[in-house]
Amino acid sequence: MESRVREFLDDLPAWAREQGDVHAVVLLGSQARADVPADAMSDVDVVLFVEGTERYLRDDTWLAPFGEPLLSHIEATAVGGFEERRVLFRDGLEVDFAIVPAAALADLPPAAAEVFARGFRVLYDDGT
């Protein structure tokens, strides 16, 4: 894993602990899979399970601890019917933040569960 990605993944749990509305952070995709590891050009896919998704979808100031966003936009997730904030930071780090209501932890849509089945790593869990 590239050092910038490693740094981001190391910082993410501490950031999540400081937020009152983040219940879990999960790493998905190639950065989470051990069988076919990510290459140097792979982006980072994380799921933020939060109370109140609007803060993360309608305002991008919460991104500042991770670096300076060069580009940021919202789009639908590929599965599950949620939304994600896709971010390209000035230093080249690319992160897709799927913003998912914390209530979905108890009952993920089947298509989303299939994505998790391909490999994931829990980076933060507040225990609730």
C-alpha atoms as a PDB file:
ATOM      1  CA  MET A   1       0.000   0.000   0.000  1.00  0.00           C
ATOM      2  CA  GLU A   2       1.301   3.422  -0.931  1.00  0.00           C
ATOM      3  CA  SER A   3       2.520   5.471   2.052  1.00  0.00           C
ATOM      4  CA  ARG A   4      -0.088   8.237   1.541  1.00  0.00           C
ATOM      5  CA  VAL A   5      -2.885   5.673   1.539  1.00  0.00           C
ATOM      6  CA  ARG A   6      -1.425   4.030   4.632  1.00  0.00           C
ATOM      7  CA  GLU A   7      -1.219   7.431   6.363  1.00  0.00           C
ATOM      8  CA  PHE A   8      -4.856   8.193   5.491  1.00  0.00           C
ATOM      9  CA  LEU A   9      -6.023   4.796   6.768  1.00  0.00           C
ATOM     10  CA  ASP A  10      -4.051   5.283   9.985  1.00  0.00           C
ATOM     11  CA  ASP A  11      -5.604   8.733  10.557  1.00  0.00           C
ATOM     12  CA  LEU A  12      -9.190   7.783   9.720  1.00  0.00           C
ATOM     13  CA  PRO A  13     -10.052   5.857  12.932  1.00  0.00           C
ATOM     14  CA  ALA A  14      -8.811   8.682  15.185  1.00  0.00           C
ATOM     15  CA  TRP A  15     -10.850  11.178  13.176  1.00  0.00           C
ATOM     16  CA  ALA A  16     -13.945   8.938  13.450  1.00  0.00           C
ATOM     17  CA  ARG A  17     -13.550   8.676  17.241  1.00  0.00           C
ATOM     18  CA  GLU A  18     -13.681  12.481  17.455  1.00  0.00           C
ATOM     19  CA  GLN A  19     -16.983  12.664  15.560  1.00  0.00           C
ATOM     20  CA  GLY A  20     -20.138  12.238  17.586  1.00  0.00           C
ATOM     21  CA  ASP A  21     -22.127  10.910  14.663  1.00  0.00           C
ATOM     22  CA  VAL A  22     -19.795   8.296  13.108  1.00  0.00           C
ATOM     23  CA  HIS A  23     -20.592   4.796  14.344  1.00  0.00           C
ATOM     24  CA  ALA A  24     -18.368   2.728  12.059  1.00  0.00           C
ATOM     25  CA  VAL A  25     -15.847   3.056   9.257  1.00  0.00           C
ATOM     26  CA  VAL A  26     -15.255   0.156   6.885  1.00  0.00           C
ATOM     27  CA  LEU A  27     -12.606  -0.178   4.197  1.00  0.00           C
ATOM     28  CA  LEU A  28     -13.813  -1.917   1.023  1.00  0.00           C
ATOM     29  CA  GLY A  29     -12.448  -2.650  -2.420  1.00  0.00           C
ATOM     30  CA  SER A  30      -8.938  -3.406  -3.526  1.00  0.00           C
ATOM     31  CA  GLN A  31      -7.339  -1.711  -0.512  1.00  0.00           C
ATOM     32  CA  ALA A  32      -9.162  -4.182   1.769  1.00  0.00           C
ATOM     33  CA  ARG A  33      -8.566  -7.396  -0.184  1.00  0.00           C
ATOM     34  CA  ALA A  34      -5.586  -9.562   0.713  1.00  0.00           C
ATOM     35  CA  ASP A  35      -5.980 -12.034  -2.187  1.00  0.00           C
ATOM     36  CA  VAL A  36      -5.562  -9.374  -4.912  1.00  0.00           C
ATOM     37  CA  PRO A  37      -3.891  -6.373  -3.288  1.00  0.00           C
ATOM     38  CA  ALA A  38      -4.352  -2.845  -4.580  1.00  0.00           C
ATOM     39  CA  ASP A  39      -1.900  -1.397  -7.039  1.00  0.00           C
ATOM     40  CA  ALA A  40      -0.300   2.026  -6.658  1.00  0.00           C
ATOM     41  CA  MET A  41      -3.073   3.661  -8.696  1.00  0.00           C
ATOM     42  CA  SER A  42      -6.016   2.224  -6.731  1.00  0.00           C
ATOM     43  CA  ASP A  43      -8.355   4.597  -4.986  1.00  0.00           C
ATOM     44  CA  VAL A  44      -9.590   4.084  -1.441  1.00  0.00           C
ATOM     45  CA  ASP A  45     -13.182   3.012  -0.836  1.00  0.00           C
ATOM     46  CA  VAL A  46     -14.568   3.591   2.646  1.00  0.00           C
ATOM     47  CA  VAL A  47     -18.034   3.434   4.116  1.00  0.00           C
ATOM     48  CA  LEU A  48     -18.954   5.884   6.858  1.00  0.00           C
ATOM     49  CA  PHE A  49     -21.927   4.637   8.892  1.00  0.00           C
ATOM     50  CA  VAL A  50     -23.304   7.868  10.349  1.00  0.00           C
ATOM     51  CA  GLU A  51     -26.254   9.478  12.075  1.00  0.00           C
ATOM     52  CA  GLY A  52     -27.501  12.183   9.745  1.00  0.00           C
ATOM     53  CA  THR A  53     -25.950  11.814   6.307  1.00  0.00           C
ATOM     54  CA  GLU A  54     -26.544  15.435   5.264  1.00  0.00           C
ATOM     55  CA  ARG A  55     -23.456  16.764   7.029  1.00  0.00           C
ATOM     56  CA  TYR A  56     -21.209  14.562   4.898  1.00  0.00           C
ATOM     57  CA  LEU A  57     -23.104  14.890   1.647  1.00  0.00           C
ATOM     58  CA  ARG A  58     -23.983  18.582   1.524  1.00  0.00           C
ATOM     59  CA  ASP A  59     -20.880  20.115   3.132  1.00  0.00           C
ATOM     60  CA  ASP A  60     -17.280  19.178   2.387  1.00  0.00           C
ATOM     61  CA  THR A  61     -15.533  21.067   5.210  1.00  0.00           C
ATOM     62  CA  TRP A  62     -15.239  17.799   7.189  1.00  0.00           C
ATOM     63  CA  LEU A  63     -12.627  16.655   4.638  1.00  0.00           C
ATOM     64  CA  ALA A  64     -10.006  19.194   5.808  1.00  0.00           C
ATOM     65  CA  PRO A  65      -8.230  16.851   8.281  1.00  0.00           C
ATOM     66  CA  PHE A  66      -7.390  14.522   5.373  1.00  0.00           C
ATOM     67  CA  GLY A  67      -5.919  17.135   3.046  1.00  0.00           C
ATOM     68  CA  GLU A  68      -6.987  19.768   0.571  1.00  0.00           C
ATOM     69  CA  PRO A  69      -9.748  18.579  -1.769  1.00  0.00           C
ATOM     70  CA  LEU A  70      -9.025  19.434  -5.373  1.00  0.00           C
ATOM     71  CA  LEU A  71     -12.285  17.929  -6.683  1.00  0.00           C
ATOM     72  CA  SER A  72     -15.279  16.605  -4.794  1.00  0.00           C
ATOM     73  CA  HIS A  73     -18.701  15.503  -5.961  1.00  0.00           C
ATOM     74  CA  ILE A  74     -21.672  13.419  -4.879  1.00  0.00           C
ATOM     75  CA  GLU A  75     -23.087  10.481  -6.790  1.00  0.00           C
ATOM     76  CA  ALA A  76     -25.128   7.372  -6.153  1.00  0.00           C
ATOM     77  CA  THR A  77     -23.284   4.327  -4.878  1.00  0.00           C
ATOM     78  CA  ALA A  78     -23.002   1.450  -7.339  1.00  0.00           C
ATOM     79  CA  VAL A  79     -25.161  -0.707  -5.064  1.00  0.00           C
ATOM     80  CA  GLY A  80     -27.419  -0.252  -2.081  1.00  0.00           C
ATOM     81  CA  GLY A  81     -29.179   2.965  -3.030  1.00  0.00           C
ATOM     82  CA  PHE A  82     -26.922   5.212  -0.951  1.00  0.00           C
ATOM     83  CA  GLU A  83     -24.812   8.238  -1.893  1.00  0.00           C
ATOM     84  CA  GLU A  84     -21.073   8.746  -1.869  1.00  0.00           C
ATOM     85  CA  ARG A  85     -18.697  11.666  -1.884  1.00  0.00           C
ATOM     86  CA  ARG A  86     -15.862  11.090  -4.339  1.00  0.00           C
ATOM     87  CA  VAL A  87     -12.778  13.150  -3.536  1.00  0.00           C
ATOM     88  CA  LEU A  88      -9.493  13.832  -5.261  1.00  0.00           C
ATOM     89  CA  PHE A  89      -7.104  15.496  -2.831  1.00  0.00           C
ATOM     90  CA  ARG A  90      -4.437  17.893  -4.079  1.00  0.00           C
ATOM     91  CA  ASP A  91      -1.678  15.386  -3.174  1.00  0.00           C
ATOM     92  CA  GLY A  92      -3.234  12.760  -5.481  1.00  0.00           C
ATOM     93  CA  LEU A  93      -5.066  10.654  -2.897  1.00  0.00           C
ATOM     94  CA  GLU A  94      -8.439   9.495  -4.242  1.00  0.00           C
ATOM     95  CA  VAL A  95     -11.123   8.454  -1.772  1.00  0.00           C
ATOM     96  CA  ASP A  96     -14.716   7.394  -2.307  1.00  0.00           C
ATOM     97  CA  PHE A  97     -16.645   7.943   0.939  1.00  0.00           C
ATOM     98  CA  ALA A  98     -19.942   6.035   0.874  1.00  0.00           C
ATOM     99  CA  ILE A  99     -22.170   7.852   3.362  1.00  0.00           C
ATOM    100  CA  VAL A 100     -24.579   5.340   4.849  1.00  0.00           C
ATOM    101  CA  PRO A 101     -27.117   5.757   7.655  1.00  0.00           C
ATOM    102  CA  ALA A 102     -25.973   3.940  10.798  1.00  0.00           C
ATOM    103  CA  ALA A 103     -29.305   2.074  10.873  1.00  0.00           C
ATOM    104  CA  ALA A 104     -28.237   0.219   7.709  1.00  0.00           C
ATOM    105  CA  LEU A 105     -25.582  -1.641   9.724  1.00  0.00           C
ATOM    106  CA  ALA A 106     -28.321  -3.930  11.003  1.00  0.00           C
ATOM    107  CA  ASP A 107     -29.775  -4.724   7.586  1.00  0.00           C
ATOM    108  CA  LEU A 108     -27.590  -4.102   4.530  1.00  0.00           C
ATOM    109  CA  PRO A 109     -29.321  -4.477   1.162  1.00  0.00           C
ATOM    110  CA  PRO A 110     -28.365  -7.796  -0.495  1.00  0.00           C
ATOM    111  CA  ALA A 111     -26.335  -6.133  -3.253  1.00  0.00           C
ATOM    112  CA  ALA A 112     -24.318  -4.195  -0.664  1.00  0.00           C
ATOM    113  CA  ALA A 113     -23.764  -7.379   1.346  1.00  0.00           C
ATOM    114  CA  GLU A 114     -22.290  -8.958  -1.793  1.00  0.00           C
ATOM    115  CA  VAL A 115     -19.755  -6.118  -2.035  1.00  0.00           C
ATOM    116  CA  PHE A 116     -18.754  -6.681   1.600  1.00  0.00           C
ATOM    117  CA  ALA A 117     -18.395 -10.411   0.895  1.00  0.00           C
ATOM    118  CA  ARG A 118     -15.564  -9.639  -1.551  1.00  0.00           C
ATOM    119  CA  GLY A 119     -13.462  -8.307   1.316  1.00  0.00           C
ATOM    120  CA  PHE A 120     -13.573  -5.571   3.922  1.00  0.00           C
ATOM    121  CA  ARG A 121     -11.743  -4.339   6.980  1.00  0.00           C
ATOM    122  CA  VAL A 122     -13.361  -2.548   9.910  1.00  0.00           C
ATOM    123  CA  LEU A 123     -11.283   0.533  10.693  1.00  0.00           C
ATOM    124  CA  TYR A 124     -13.503   1.907  13.442  1.00  0.00           C
ATOM    125  CA  ASP A 125     -16.514   0.684  15.412  1.00  0.00           C
ATOM    126  CA  ASP A 126     -17.957   2.663  18.318  1.00  0.00           C
ATOM    127  CA  GLY A 127     -19.621  -0.469  19.696  1.00  0.00           C
ATOM    128  CA  THR A 128     -23.219   0.680  19.346  1.00  0.00           C
END
